[in-house]
Amino acid sequence: MPSRFRPRLVNGPFGDPGLFIPLQFDRRALIFDLGDLGPLSARDLLKISHAFVTHTHMDHFVGFDPLLRCLLGREKDVALFGPAGFLRNVEGKLAAYTWDLVDRQSCPLRLHVTEVRPEALLRRCFVCAEGFAAQGDPLPLPFAGTLLAEPAFRVDAAVLAHSTDCLGLAITERFHVNILTPGLAALGLAPGPWLNRFKTAIFEGRDPDSDFEVGPAGGPGGRVLRLGELARTIARITPGRKIAYITDVGDTPANREAIAGLASDADLLFIEAAFLDADRDRAAARHHLTARQAGEIAARVGARRFTLFHHSPRYEGREAEMEAEARAAYDAR
């Protein structure tokens, strides 16, 4: 299914968790978790506009520092989200460095940090040019499950239980706008940056009778067409994709219920499988899922596909066994 999302795990199944989600044609990206970011290039890091941290155990948050280092000196606003205690955690990270030089240079980086609690969101801004001093008191906001809403997609979260609060995450595309090459040719148009403006107009539900300016193929200047006529000729609308991300949760009825509400009908579910089911007692003691439990959850939410990750190192070389266990549980449901 076509989609503007191109998600990929930052590391292999035994490495730190992290899902990098570039937005096609948008020159930006989202990221779920900030573990080891070594496999990402500086170009990748600079695309990140929003980072969603499930919880601040080291393997999910150690990448904050290299991300910040890459962003320093850039004119950029970056939004970060995390569970209860996240504001304190970020302030602690920022307080660990001496920022006496930032007032001598242009450093317009701003971090918009949101702490996600079951009943509300708390938000503060940290400005690099002011030594990352927090701006004002935390701003409380209502929380009904959605962390980010844009015309083309939204990001939802559920507060799940690990050994601490942990966020489950899902990104849902409203629909996908497919550009038809024959339609462009029929109108004498060439692909270009104007297509992003066109897609935005469609996502925003702009009046189909309104004028829309495009550039003609092979020439300067503009050309005005009716938006609806243009859409009928060059675009095909298809259903959007839903991608869910679940890691570091215990197998409890409450967690399963919350995951079902968040990840229902996901096209692709990234779900941890820390242990094999033979070690389910160890998994329960550490508040993690087994491969069998992961497969059962994937089936319950109706995921069309699922990808396992975050395996315990004790299973090095046994990835196929974990995949088979999850697949058998999924198929049985």
C-alpha atoms as a PDB file:
ATOM      1  CA  MET A   1       0.000   0.000   0.000  1.00  0.00           C
ATOM      2  CA  PRO A   2       1.499   3.389  -0.938  1.00  0.00           C
ATOM      3  CA  SER A   3       2.186   5.706   1.980  1.00  0.00           C
ATOM      4  CA  ARG A   4       4.075   8.853   2.868  1.00  0.00           C
ATOM      5  CA  PHE A   5       5.614   6.870   5.763  1.00  0.00           C
ATOM      6  CA  ARG A   6       8.882   4.979   5.270  1.00  0.00           C
ATOM      7  CA  PRO A   7       9.488   3.496   8.755  1.00  0.00           C
ATOM      8  CA  ARG A   8      12.630   1.569   9.604  1.00  0.00           C
ATOM      9  CA  LEU A   9      14.095   0.290  12.847  1.00  0.00           C
ATOM     10  CA  VAL A  10      17.236   2.233  13.727  1.00  0.00           C
ATOM     11  CA  ASN A  11      19.010  -0.889  14.997  1.00  0.00           C
ATOM     12  CA  GLY A  12      18.743  -4.640  14.597  1.00  0.00           C
ATOM     13  CA  PRO A  13      16.459  -6.750  16.813  1.00  0.00           C
ATOM     14  CA  PHE A  14      19.124  -7.023  19.535  1.00  0.00           C
ATOM     15  CA  GLY A  15      20.046  -3.333  19.503  1.00  0.00           C
ATOM     16  CA  ASP A  16      18.475  -0.336  21.202  1.00  0.00           C
ATOM     17  CA  PRO A  17      14.843   0.313  20.273  1.00  0.00           C
ATOM     18  CA  GLY A  18      14.028   3.121  17.862  1.00  0.00           C
ATOM     19  CA  LEU A  19      11.810   3.628  14.823  1.00  0.00           C
ATOM     20  CA  PHE A  20      12.833   6.273  12.274  1.00  0.00           C
ATOM     21  CA  ILE A  21       9.925   7.505  10.138  1.00  0.00           C
ATOM     22  CA  PRO A  22      10.901   9.760   7.223  1.00  0.00           C
ATOM     23  CA  LEU A  23       7.991  11.602   5.636  1.00  0.00           C
ATOM     24  CA  GLN A  24       8.180  11.189   1.886  1.00  0.00           C
ATOM     25  CA  PHE A  25       8.557  14.464  -0.049  1.00  0.00           C
ATOM     26  CA  ASP A  26       8.544  16.416   3.232  1.00  0.00           C
ATOM     27  CA  ARG A  27      12.268  16.649   4.100  1.00  0.00           C
ATOM     28  CA  ARG A  28      11.540  15.801   7.697  1.00  0.00           C
ATOM     29  CA  ALA A  29      11.107  12.777   9.908  1.00  0.00           C
ATOM     30  CA  LEU A  30       9.610  11.566  13.167  1.00  0.00           C
ATOM     31  CA  ILE A  31      11.299   9.150  15.536  1.00  0.00           C
ATOM     32  CA  PHE A  32       9.891   6.795  18.168  1.00  0.00           C
ATOM     33  CA  ASP A  33      12.494   6.328  20.948  1.00  0.00           C
ATOM     34  CA  LEU A  34      15.992   7.760  21.201  1.00  0.00           C
ATOM     35  CA  GLY A  35      18.227   4.765  21.826  1.00  0.00           C
ATOM     36  CA  ASP A  36      21.560   4.355  20.047  1.00  0.00           C
ATOM     37  CA  LEU A  37      21.296   6.626  17.001  1.00  0.00           C
ATOM     38  CA  GLY A  38      24.678   5.681  15.531  1.00  0.00           C
ATOM     39  CA  PRO A  39      23.208   4.120  12.368  1.00  0.00           C
ATOM     40  CA  LEU A  40      21.462   7.402  11.471  1.00  0.00           C
ATOM     41  CA  SER A  41      23.405   9.980   9.456  1.00  0.00           C
ATOM     42  CA  ALA A  42      23.621  13.647  10.370  1.00  0.00           C
ATOM     43  CA  ARG A  43      21.247  14.285   7.458  1.00  0.00           C
ATOM     44  CA  ASP A  44      18.740  11.886   9.045  1.00  0.00           C
ATOM     45  CA  LEU A  45      19.040  13.544  12.464  1.00  0.00           C
ATOM     46  CA  LEU A  46      18.559  17.010  11.013  1.00  0.00           C
ATOM     47  CA  LYS A  47      15.252  15.899   9.488  1.00  0.00           C
ATOM     48  CA  ILE A  48      13.758  15.046  12.891  1.00  0.00           C
ATOM     49  CA  SER A  49      10.980  17.455  13.859  1.00  0.00           C
ATOM     50  CA  HIS A  50       9.278  15.299  16.526  1.00  0.00           C
ATOM     51  CA  ALA A  51      10.713  12.669  18.887  1.00  0.00           C
ATOM     52  CA  PHE A  52       8.424  10.438  20.940  1.00  0.00           C
ATOM     53  CA  VAL A  53      10.190   8.661  23.816  1.00  0.00           C
ATOM     54  CA  THR A  54       8.336   5.687  25.272  1.00  0.00           C
ATOM     55  CA  HIS A  55      10.223   5.985  28.587  1.00  0.00           C
ATOM     56  CA  THR A  56      13.617   7.144  29.765  1.00  0.00           C
ATOM     57  CA  HIS A  57      15.447   3.903  30.469  1.00  0.00           C
ATOM     58  CA  MET A  58      18.931   4.370  29.009  1.00  0.00           C
ATOM     59  CA  ASP A  59      18.426   2.179  25.946  1.00  0.00           C
ATOM     60  CA  HIS A  60      15.459   4.365  24.924  1.00  0.00           C
ATOM     61  CA  PHE A  61      16.882   7.796  25.758  1.00  0.00           C
ATOM     62  CA  VAL A  62      20.659   7.736  25.398  1.00  0.00           C
ATOM     63  CA  GLY A  63      20.332   9.157  21.882  1.00  0.00           C
ATOM     64  CA  PHE A  64      19.055  12.500  23.175  1.00  0.00           C
ATOM     65  CA  ASP A  65      22.613  13.806  23.505  1.00  0.00           C
ATOM     66  CA  PRO A  66      23.852  13.046  19.958  1.00  0.00           C
ATOM     67  CA  LEU A  67      20.584  14.391  18.553  1.00  0.00           C
ATOM     68  CA  LEU A  68      20.996  17.626  20.521  1.00  0.00           C
ATOM     69  CA  ARG A  69      24.640  17.931  19.479  1.00  0.00           C
ATOM     70  CA  CYS A  70      23.683  17.623  15.808  1.00  0.00           C
ATOM     71  CA  LEU A  71      20.944  20.252  16.148  1.00  0.00           C
ATOM     72  CA  LEU A  72      22.995  22.890  17.981  1.00  0.00           C
ATOM     73  CA  GLY A  73      23.403  26.092  16.027  1.00  0.00           C
ATOM     74  CA  ARG A  74      20.439  25.311  13.772  1.00  0.00           C
ATOM     75  CA  GLU A  75      17.352  27.439  13.422  1.00  0.00           C
ATOM     76  CA  LYS A  76      14.933  24.711  14.310  1.00  0.00           C
ATOM     77  CA  ASP A  77      11.997  23.842  16.532  1.00  0.00           C
ATOM     78  CA  VAL A  78      11.937  20.260  17.773  1.00  0.00           C
ATOM     79  CA  ALA A  79       9.087  18.711  19.758  1.00  0.00           C
ATOM     80  CA  LEU A  80       9.811  15.942  22.258  1.00  0.00           C
ATOM     81  CA  PHE A  81       7.268  13.797  24.083  1.00  0.00           C
ATOM     82  CA  GLY A  82       7.686  11.371  26.965  1.00  0.00           C
ATOM     83  CA  PRO A  83       5.835   9.908  29.979  1.00  0.00           C
ATOM     84  CA  ALA A  84       5.539  11.136  33.570  1.00  0.00           C
ATOM     85  CA  GLY A  85       8.816  12.672  34.751  1.00  0.00           C
ATOM     86  CA  PHE A  86       9.953  13.528  31.216  1.00  0.00           C
ATOM     87  CA  LEU A  87      10.286  17.279  31.869  1.00  0.00           C
ATOM     88  CA  ARG A  88      12.580  16.567  34.805  1.00  0.00           C
ATOM     89  CA  ASN A  89      14.580  14.082  32.735  1.00  0.00           C
ATOM     90  CA  VAL A  90      15.126  16.543  29.884  1.00  0.00           C
ATOM     91  CA  GLU A  91      16.014  19.365  32.279  1.00  0.00           C
ATOM     92  CA  GLY A  92      18.563  17.069  33.886  1.00  0.00           C
ATOM     93  CA  LYS A  93      20.130  16.280  30.513  1.00  0.00           C
ATOM     94  CA  LEU A  94      20.324  19.964  29.600  1.00  0.00           C
ATOM     95  CA  ALA A  95      21.695  20.921  33.030  1.00  0.00           C
ATOM     96  CA  ALA A  96      24.600  18.508  32.604  1.00  0.00           C
ATOM     97  CA  TYR A  97      26.363  20.847  30.163  1.00  0.00           C
ATOM     98  CA  THR A  98      27.830  24.340  30.421  1.00  0.00           C
ATOM     99  CA  TRP A  99      26.083  26.694  27.995  1.00  0.00           C
ATOM    100  CA  ASP A 100      28.161  29.850  28.552  1.00  0.00           C
ATOM    101  CA  LEU A 101      28.991  30.219  24.834  1.00  0.00           C
ATOM    102  CA  VAL A 102      25.517  30.144  23.339  1.00  0.00           C
ATOM    103  CA  ASP A 103      24.939  33.855  23.941  1.00  0.00           C
ATOM    104  CA  ARG A 104      27.892  34.656  21.645  1.00  0.00           C
ATOM    105  CA  GLN A 105      26.429  33.052  18.567  1.00  0.00           C
ATOM    106  CA  SER A 106      23.179  32.775  16.747  1.00  0.00           C
ATOM    107  CA  CYS A 107      21.615  29.654  18.225  1.00  0.00           C
ATOM    108  CA  PRO A 108      17.846  29.758  17.635  1.00  0.00           C
ATOM    109  CA  LEU A 109      17.208  26.092  18.494  1.00  0.00           C
ATOM    110  CA  ARG A 110      14.059  25.609  20.582  1.00  0.00           C
ATOM    111  CA  LEU A 111      12.959  22.389  22.285  1.00  0.00           C
ATOM    112  CA  HIS A 112       9.229  22.027  22.950  1.00  0.00           C
ATOM    113  CA  VAL A 113       8.978  19.295  25.584  1.00  0.00           C
ATOM    114  CA  THR A 114       5.715  17.588  26.511  1.00  0.00           C
ATOM    115  CA  GLU A 115       5.208  15.271  29.462  1.00  0.00           C
ATOM    116  CA  VAL A 116       2.378  12.807  28.840  1.00  0.00           C
ATOM    117  CA  ARG A 117       0.312  11.824  31.848  1.00  0.00           C
ATOM    118  CA  PRO A 118      -2.890   9.779  31.744  1.00  0.00           C
ATOM    119  CA  GLU A 119      -4.986  12.795  32.656  1.00  0.00           C
ATOM    120  CA  ALA A 120      -3.135  15.699  31.026  1.00  0.00           C
ATOM    121  CA  LEU A 121      -0.133  16.987  29.093  1.00  0.00           C
ATOM    122  CA  LEU A 122       2.493  19.316  30.605  1.00  0.00           C
ATOM    123  CA  ARG A 123       4.524  21.414  28.153  1.00  0.00           C
ATOM    124  CA  ARG A 124       7.574  23.675  28.483  1.00  0.00           C
ATOM    125  CA  CYS A 125       9.939  25.293  26.012  1.00  0.00           C
ATOM    126  CA  PHE A 126      13.744  25.340  26.348  1.00  0.00           C
ATOM    127  CA  VAL A 127      15.635  27.897  24.253  1.00  0.00           C
ATOM    128  CA  CYS A 128      19.273  27.311  23.350  1.00  0.00           C
ATOM    129  CA  ALA A 129      20.183  31.017  23.149  1.00  0.00           C
ATOM    130  CA  GLU A 130      19.144  31.351  26.801  1.00  0.00           C
ATOM    131  CA  GLY A 131      21.224  28.407  27.982  1.00  0.00           C
ATOM    132  CA  PHE A 132      18.224  26.099  27.686  1.00  0.00           C
ATOM    133  CA  ALA A 133      16.560  27.748  30.648  1.00  0.00           C
ATOM    134  CA  ALA A 134      12.934  26.642  30.869  1.00  0.00           C
ATOM    135  CA  GLN A 135      10.458  29.262  29.700  1.00  0.00           C
ATOM    136  CA  GLY A 136       7.780  29.834  32.342  1.00  0.00           C
ATOM    137  CA  ASP A 137       5.833  27.253  34.298  1.00  0.00           C
ATOM    138  CA  PRO A 138       4.694  23.995  32.696  1.00  0.00           C
ATOM    139  CA  LEU A 139       1.621  24.617  30.573  1.00  0.00           C
ATOM    140  CA  PRO A 140      -1.120  22.042  31.295  1.00  0.00           C
ATOM    141  CA  LEU A 141      -3.119  20.860  28.301  1.00  0.00           C
ATOM    142  CA  PRO A 142      -5.967  18.348  27.941  1.00  0.00           C
ATOM    143  CA  PHE A 143      -5.048  14.877  26.728  1.00  0.00           C
ATOM    144  CA  ALA A 144      -7.498  12.629  24.907  1.00  0.00           C
ATOM    145  CA  GLY A 145      -4.997  10.297  23.270  1.00  0.00           C
ATOM    146  CA  THR A 146      -3.617  12.447  20.430  1.00  0.00           C
ATOM    147  CA  LEU A 147      -0.160  14.014  20.742  1.00  0.00           C
ATOM    148  CA  LEU A 148       0.232  15.463  17.251  1.00  0.00           C
ATOM    149  CA  ALA A 149      -2.443  16.264  14.669  1.00  0.00           C
ATOM    150  CA  GLU A 150      -1.543  17.515  11.195  1.00  0.00           C
ATOM    151  CA  PRO A 151      -3.716  17.671   8.070  1.00  0.00           C
ATOM    152  CA  ALA A 152      -2.130  14.498   6.662  1.00  0.00           C
ATOM    153  CA  PHE A 153      -1.681  12.360   9.781  1.00  0.00           C
ATOM    154  CA  ARG A 154      -1.837  12.151  13.563  1.00  0.00           C
ATOM    155  CA  VAL A 155       0.208  10.496  16.323  1.00  0.00           C
ATOM    156  CA  ASP A 156      -1.664   8.888  19.214  1.00  0.00           C
ATOM    157  CA  ALA A 157      -0.356   7.497  22.478  1.00  0.00           C
ATOM    158  CA  ALA A 158      -1.505   5.302  25.339  1.00  0.00           C
ATOM    159  CA  VAL A 159       0.126   5.186  28.768  1.00  0.00           C
ATOM    160  CA  LEU A 160       1.107   1.570  29.388  1.00  0.00           C
ATOM    161  CA  ALA A 161       2.707  -0.186  32.341  1.00  0.00           C
ATOM    162  CA  HIS A 162       6.344  -1.350  32.325  1.00  0.00           C
ATOM    163  CA  SER A 163       8.367  -1.078  35.520  1.00  0.00           C
ATOM    164  CA  THR A 164       7.473   2.595  35.005  1.00  0.00           C
ATOM    165  CA  ASP A 165       4.978   4.406  32.805  1.00  0.00           C
ATOM    166  CA  CYS A 166       5.694   3.700  29.139  1.00  0.00           C
ATOM    167  CA  LEU A 167       4.054   5.128  26.032  1.00  0.00           C
ATOM    168  CA  GLY A 168       2.603   3.003  23.281  1.00  0.00           C
ATOM    169  CA  LEU A 169       2.536   4.930  19.996  1.00  0.00           C
ATOM    170  CA  ALA A 170       0.639   4.870  16.701  1.00  0.00           C
ATOM    171  CA  ILE A 171       0.866   7.076  13.617  1.00  0.00           C
ATOM    172  CA  THR A 172      -2.142   7.146  11.291  1.00  0.00           C
ATOM    173  CA  GLU A 173      -2.255   8.619   7.805  1.00  0.00           C
ATOM    174  CA  ARG A 174      -5.666  10.097   6.908  1.00  0.00           C
ATOM    175  CA  PHE A 175      -5.371   9.007   3.278  1.00  0.00           C
ATOM    176  CA  HIS A 176      -2.695   8.857   0.605  1.00  0.00           C
ATOM    177  CA  VAL A 177      -2.558  11.093  -2.465  1.00  0.00           C
ATOM    178  CA  ASN A 178      -1.042   9.175  -5.379  1.00  0.00           C
ATOM    179  CA  ILE A 179       0.182  11.373  -8.255  1.00  0.00           C
ATOM    180  CA  LEU A 180      -0.659   9.968 -11.689  1.00  0.00           C
ATOM    181  CA  THR A 181       2.122  10.497 -14.231  1.00  0.00           C
ATOM    182  CA  PRO A 182      -0.245  10.188 -17.247  1.00  0.00           C
ATOM    183  CA  GLY A 183      -2.409  12.902 -15.699  1.00  0.00           C
ATOM    184  CA  LEU A 184       0.561  15.236 -15.371  1.00  0.00           C
ATOM    185  CA  ALA A 185       1.503  14.558 -18.994  1.00  0.00           C
ATOM    186  CA  ALA A 186      -2.061  15.201 -20.185  1.00  0.00           C
ATOM    187  CA  LEU A 187      -1.959  18.675 -18.618  1.00  0.00           C
ATOM    188  CA  GLY A 188       1.594  19.361 -19.749  1.00  0.00           C
ATOM    189  CA  LEU A 189       2.868  19.531 -16.177  1.00  0.00           C
ATOM    190  CA  ALA A 190       6.158  18.407 -14.664  1.00  0.00           C
ATOM    191  CA  PRO A 191       6.636  17.165 -11.095  1.00  0.00           C
ATOM    192  CA  GLY A 192       8.024  19.773  -8.748  1.00  0.00           C
ATOM    193  CA  PRO A 193       7.711  21.384  -5.319  1.00  0.00           C
ATOM    194  CA  TRP A 194       4.217  22.527  -6.237  1.00  0.00           C
ATOM    195  CA  LEU A 195       2.997  18.951  -5.721  1.00  0.00           C
ATOM    196  CA  ASN A 196       3.580  19.322  -1.965  1.00  0.00           C
ATOM    197  CA  ARG A 197       1.378  22.428  -2.004  1.00  0.00           C
ATOM    198  CA  PHE A 198      -1.196  20.497  -3.996  1.00  0.00           C
ATOM    199  CA  LYS A 199      -1.243  17.593  -1.513  1.00  0.00           C
ATOM    200  CA  THR A 200      -1.526  20.011   1.401  1.00  0.00           C
ATOM    201  CA  ALA A 201      -4.538  21.632  -0.253  1.00  0.00           C
ATOM    202  CA  ILE A 202      -6.186  18.214  -0.609  1.00  0.00           C
ATOM    203  CA  PHE A 203      -5.468  17.240   3.017  1.00  0.00           C
ATOM    204  CA  GLU A 204      -6.818  20.577   4.233  1.00  0.00           C
ATOM    205  CA  GLY A 205     -10.050  20.053   2.294  1.00  0.00           C
ATOM    206  CA  ARG A 206      -9.713  23.252   0.303  1.00  0.00           C
ATOM    207  CA  ASP A 207     -12.655  24.252  -1.916  1.00  0.00           C
ATOM    208  CA  PRO A 208     -12.399  22.246  -5.186  1.00  0.00           C
ATOM    209  CA  ASP A 209     -13.598  25.321  -7.074  1.00  0.00           C
ATOM    210  CA  SER A 210     -10.715  27.432  -5.768  1.00  0.00           C
ATOM    211  CA  ASP A 211      -7.805  28.431  -7.999  1.00  0.00           C
ATOM    212  CA  PHE A 212      -4.522  26.595  -7.694  1.00  0.00           C
ATOM    213  CA  GLU A 213      -1.279  27.738  -9.336  1.00  0.00           C
ATOM    214  CA  VAL A 214       1.094  25.215 -10.885  1.00  0.00           C
ATOM    215  CA  GLY A 215       4.236  25.600 -12.983  1.00  0.00           C
ATOM    216  CA  PRO A 216       4.047  24.544 -16.633  1.00  0.00           C
ATOM    217  CA  ALA A 217       6.335  21.784 -17.887  1.00  0.00           C
ATOM    218  CA  GLY A 218       9.598  23.126 -19.247  1.00  0.00           C
ATOM    219  CA  GLY A 219       8.902  26.810 -18.706  1.00  0.00           C
ATOM    220  CA  PRO A 220       8.895  29.609 -16.113  1.00  0.00           C
ATOM    221  CA  GLY A 221       5.877  31.327 -14.681  1.00  0.00           C
ATOM    222  CA  GLY A 222       2.661  29.938 -13.330  1.00  0.00           C
ATOM    223  CA  ARG A 223      -0.581  28.481 -14.567  1.00  0.00           C
ATOM    224  CA  VAL A 224      -3.883  28.521 -12.724  1.00  0.00           C
ATOM    225  CA  LEU A 225      -6.274  25.550 -12.676  1.00  0.00           C
ATOM    226  CA  ARG A 226      -9.311  24.674 -10.625  1.00  0.00           C
ATOM    227  CA  LEU A 227      -8.206  22.540  -7.702  1.00  0.00           C
ATOM    228  CA  GLY A 228     -10.962  19.973  -8.219  1.00  0.00           C
ATOM    229  CA  GLU A 229     -10.212  19.609 -11.929  1.00  0.00           C
ATOM    230  CA  LEU A 230      -6.525  19.193 -11.179  1.00  0.00           C
ATOM    231  CA  ALA A 231      -7.230  16.569  -8.501  1.00  0.00           C
ATOM    232  CA  ARG A 232      -9.475  14.529 -10.807  1.00  0.00           C
ATOM    233  CA  THR A 233      -6.766  14.458 -13.471  1.00  0.00           C
ATOM    234  CA  ILE A 234      -3.518  13.915 -11.576  1.00  0.00           C
ATOM    235  CA  ALA A 235      -4.468  12.292  -8.253  1.00  0.00           C
ATOM    236  CA  ARG A 236      -5.823   9.017  -6.982  1.00  0.00           C
ATOM    237  CA  ILE A 237      -6.854   8.863  -3.310  1.00  0.00           C
ATOM    238  CA  THR A 238      -6.188   5.605  -1.456  1.00  0.00           C
ATOM    239  CA  PRO A 239      -6.579   4.663   2.228  1.00  0.00           C
ATOM    240  CA  GLY A 240      -3.781   5.761   4.536  1.00  0.00           C
ATOM    241  CA  ARG A 241      -1.589   3.472   6.609  1.00  0.00           C
ATOM    242  CA  LYS A 242      -1.463   2.987  10.367  1.00  0.00           C
ATOM    243  CA  ILE A 243       1.788   2.038  12.088  1.00  0.00           C
ATOM    244  CA  ALA A 244       1.928   1.107  15.769  1.00  0.00           C
ATOM    245  CA  TYR A 245       4.935   0.762  18.061  1.00  0.00           C
ATOM    246  CA  ILE A 246       4.829  -1.194  21.320  1.00  0.00           C
ATOM    247  CA  THR A 247       7.863  -1.889  23.484  1.00  0.00           C
ATOM    248  CA  ASP A 248       8.744  -2.546  27.133  1.00  0.00           C
ATOM    249  CA  VAL A 249       5.339  -3.561  28.460  1.00  0.00           C
ATOM    250  CA  GLY A 250       4.244  -6.313  30.787  1.00  0.00           C
ATOM    251  CA  ASP A 251       1.622  -8.810  29.658  1.00  0.00           C
ATOM    252  CA  THR A 252      -1.310  -7.638  31.771  1.00  0.00           C
ATOM    253  CA  PRO A 253      -5.015  -7.434  30.928  1.00  0.00           C
ATOM    254  CA  ALA A 254      -4.896  -3.630  31.288  1.00  0.00           C
ATOM    255  CA  ASN A 255      -1.958  -3.352  28.886  1.00  0.00           C
ATOM    256  CA  ARG A 256      -3.592  -5.648  26.345  1.00  0.00           C
ATOM    257  CA  GLU A 257      -6.785  -3.618  26.479  1.00  0.00           C
ATOM    258  CA  ALA A 258      -4.969  -0.306  26.053  1.00  0.00           C
ATOM    259  CA  ILE A 259      -2.850  -1.670  23.191  1.00  0.00           C
ATOM    260  CA  ALA A 260      -5.986  -2.972  21.465  1.00  0.00           C
ATOM    261  CA  GLY A 261      -7.503   0.501  21.599  1.00  0.00           C
ATOM    262  CA  LEU A 262      -4.353   2.203  20.328  1.00  0.00           C
ATOM    263  CA  ALA A 263      -3.162  -0.224  17.639  1.00  0.00           C
ATOM    264  CA  SER A 264      -6.480  -1.544  16.307  1.00  0.00           C
ATOM    265  CA  ASP A 265      -6.299  -2.409  12.580  1.00  0.00           C
ATOM    266  CA  ALA A 266      -2.647  -1.413  12.262  1.00  0.00           C
ATOM    267  CA  ASP A 267      -1.180  -2.105   8.860  1.00  0.00           C
ATOM    268  CA  LEU A 268       2.199  -2.633  10.492  1.00  0.00           C
ATOM    269  CA  LEU A 269       2.863  -3.311  14.172  1.00  0.00           C
ATOM    270  CA  PHE A 270       6.365  -3.050  15.596  1.00  0.00           C
ATOM    271  CA  ILE A 271       6.240  -5.026  18.832  1.00  0.00           C
ATOM    272  CA  GLU A 272       8.881  -6.145  21.269  1.00  0.00           C
ATOM    273  CA  ALA A 273       9.590  -9.814  21.932  1.00  0.00           C
ATOM    274  CA  ALA A 274      12.217  -9.820  24.648  1.00  0.00           C
ATOM    275  CA  PHE A 275      11.945 -13.512  25.584  1.00  0.00           C
ATOM    276  CA  LEU A 276      10.743 -16.867  24.331  1.00  0.00           C
ATOM    277  CA  ASP A 277       7.630 -18.188  26.028  1.00  0.00           C
ATOM    278  CA  ALA A 278       9.656 -20.871  27.832  1.00  0.00           C
ATOM    279  CA  ASP A 279      11.029 -17.942  29.847  1.00  0.00           C
ATOM    280  CA  ARG A 280       7.649 -16.294  30.461  1.00  0.00           C
ATOM    281  CA  ASP A 281       8.311 -16.047  34.232  1.00  0.00           C
ATOM    282  CA  ARG A 282      11.505 -14.121  33.574  1.00  0.00           C
ATOM    283  CA  ALA A 283       9.609 -11.906  31.115  1.00  0.00           C
ATOM    284  CA  ALA A 284       6.899 -11.204  33.687  1.00  0.00           C
ATOM    285  CA  ALA A 285       9.454 -10.322  36.363  1.00  0.00           C
ATOM    286  CA  ARG A 286      11.050  -7.807  33.983  1.00  0.00           C
ATOM    287  CA  HIS A 287       7.748  -6.472  32.602  1.00  0.00           C
ATOM    288  CA  HIS A 288       8.472  -7.549  29.018  1.00  0.00           C
ATOM    289  CA  LEU A 289       6.645  -9.614  26.388  1.00  0.00           C
ATOM    290  CA  THR A 290       7.488 -13.052  25.071  1.00  0.00           C
ATOM    291  CA  ALA A 291       7.357 -13.787  21.350  1.00  0.00           C
ATOM    292  CA  ARG A 292       4.170 -15.780  21.867  1.00  0.00           C
ATOM    293  CA  GLN A 293       2.514 -12.910  23.714  1.00  0.00           C
ATOM    294  CA  ALA A 294       3.610 -10.505  20.977  1.00  0.00           C
ATOM    295  CA  GLY A 295       1.978 -12.728  18.347  1.00  0.00           C
ATOM    296  CA  GLU A 296      -1.238 -12.960  20.367  1.00  0.00           C
ATOM    297  CA  ILE A 297      -1.397  -9.178  20.730  1.00  0.00           C
ATOM    298  CA  ALA A 298      -0.702  -8.669  17.022  1.00  0.00           C
ATOM    299  CA  ALA A 299      -3.626 -10.965  16.232  1.00  0.00           C
ATOM    300  CA  ARG A 300      -5.931  -9.294  18.740  1.00  0.00           C
ATOM    301  CA  VAL A 301      -5.389  -5.807  17.293  1.00  0.00           C
ATOM    302  CA  GLY A 302      -5.878  -7.129  13.763  1.00  0.00           C
ATOM    303  CA  ALA A 303      -2.426  -6.104  12.567  1.00  0.00           C
ATOM    304  CA  ARG A 304      -1.932  -6.958   8.910  1.00  0.00           C
ATOM    305  CA  ARG A 305       1.813  -7.372   9.447  1.00  0.00           C
ATOM    306  CA  PHE A 306       4.061  -7.274  12.477  1.00  0.00           C
ATOM    307  CA  THR A 307       7.795  -6.937  13.105  1.00  0.00           C
ATOM    308  CA  LEU A 308       9.495  -8.201  16.245  1.00  0.00           C
ATOM    309  CA  PHE A 309      12.346  -6.300  17.885  1.00  0.00           C
ATOM    310  CA  HIS A 310      14.077  -5.662  21.239  1.00  0.00           C
ATOM    311  CA  HIS A 311      15.191  -9.277  21.819  1.00  0.00           C
ATOM    312  CA  SER A 312      17.179 -10.197  24.901  1.00  0.00           C
ATOM    313  CA  PRO A 313      20.859 -10.882  24.042  1.00  0.00           C
ATOM    314  CA  ARG A 314      20.437 -14.392  25.475  1.00  0.00           C
ATOM    315  CA  TYR A 315      18.691 -15.345  22.204  1.00  0.00           C
ATOM    316  CA  GLU A 316      21.449 -14.210  19.862  1.00  0.00           C
ATOM    317  CA  GLY A 317      21.241 -16.413  16.763  1.00  0.00           C
ATOM    318  CA  ARG A 318      17.711 -17.613  17.593  1.00  0.00           C
ATOM    319  CA  GLU A 319      15.732 -14.912  15.790  1.00  0.00           C
ATOM    320  CA  ALA A 320      14.019 -17.479  13.556  1.00  0.00           C
ATOM    321  CA  GLU A 321      12.801 -19.376  16.616  1.00  0.00           C
ATOM    322  CA  MET A 322      11.296 -16.200  18.081  1.00  0.00           C
ATOM    323  CA  GLU A 323       9.663 -15.315  14.781  1.00  0.00           C
ATOM    324  CA  ALA A 324       8.188 -18.829  14.485  1.00  0.00           C
ATOM    325  CA  GLU A 325       6.761 -18.687  18.002  1.00  0.00           C
ATOM    326  CA  ALA A 326       5.114 -15.320  17.382  1.00  0.00           C
ATOM    327  CA  ARG A 327       3.818 -16.385  13.964  1.00  0.00           C
ATOM    328  CA  ALA A 328       2.255 -19.570  15.392  1.00  0.00           C
ATOM    329  CA  ALA A 329       0.456 -17.553  18.079  1.00  0.00           C
ATOM    330  CA  TYR A 330      -0.719 -15.008  15.497  1.00  0.00           C
ATOM    331  CA  ASP A 331      -2.027 -17.671  13.113  1.00  0.00           C
ATOM    332  CA  ALA A 332      -3.768 -19.561  15.932  1.00  0.00           C
ATOM    333  CA  ARG A 333      -5.821 -16.458  16.754  1.00  0.00           C
END
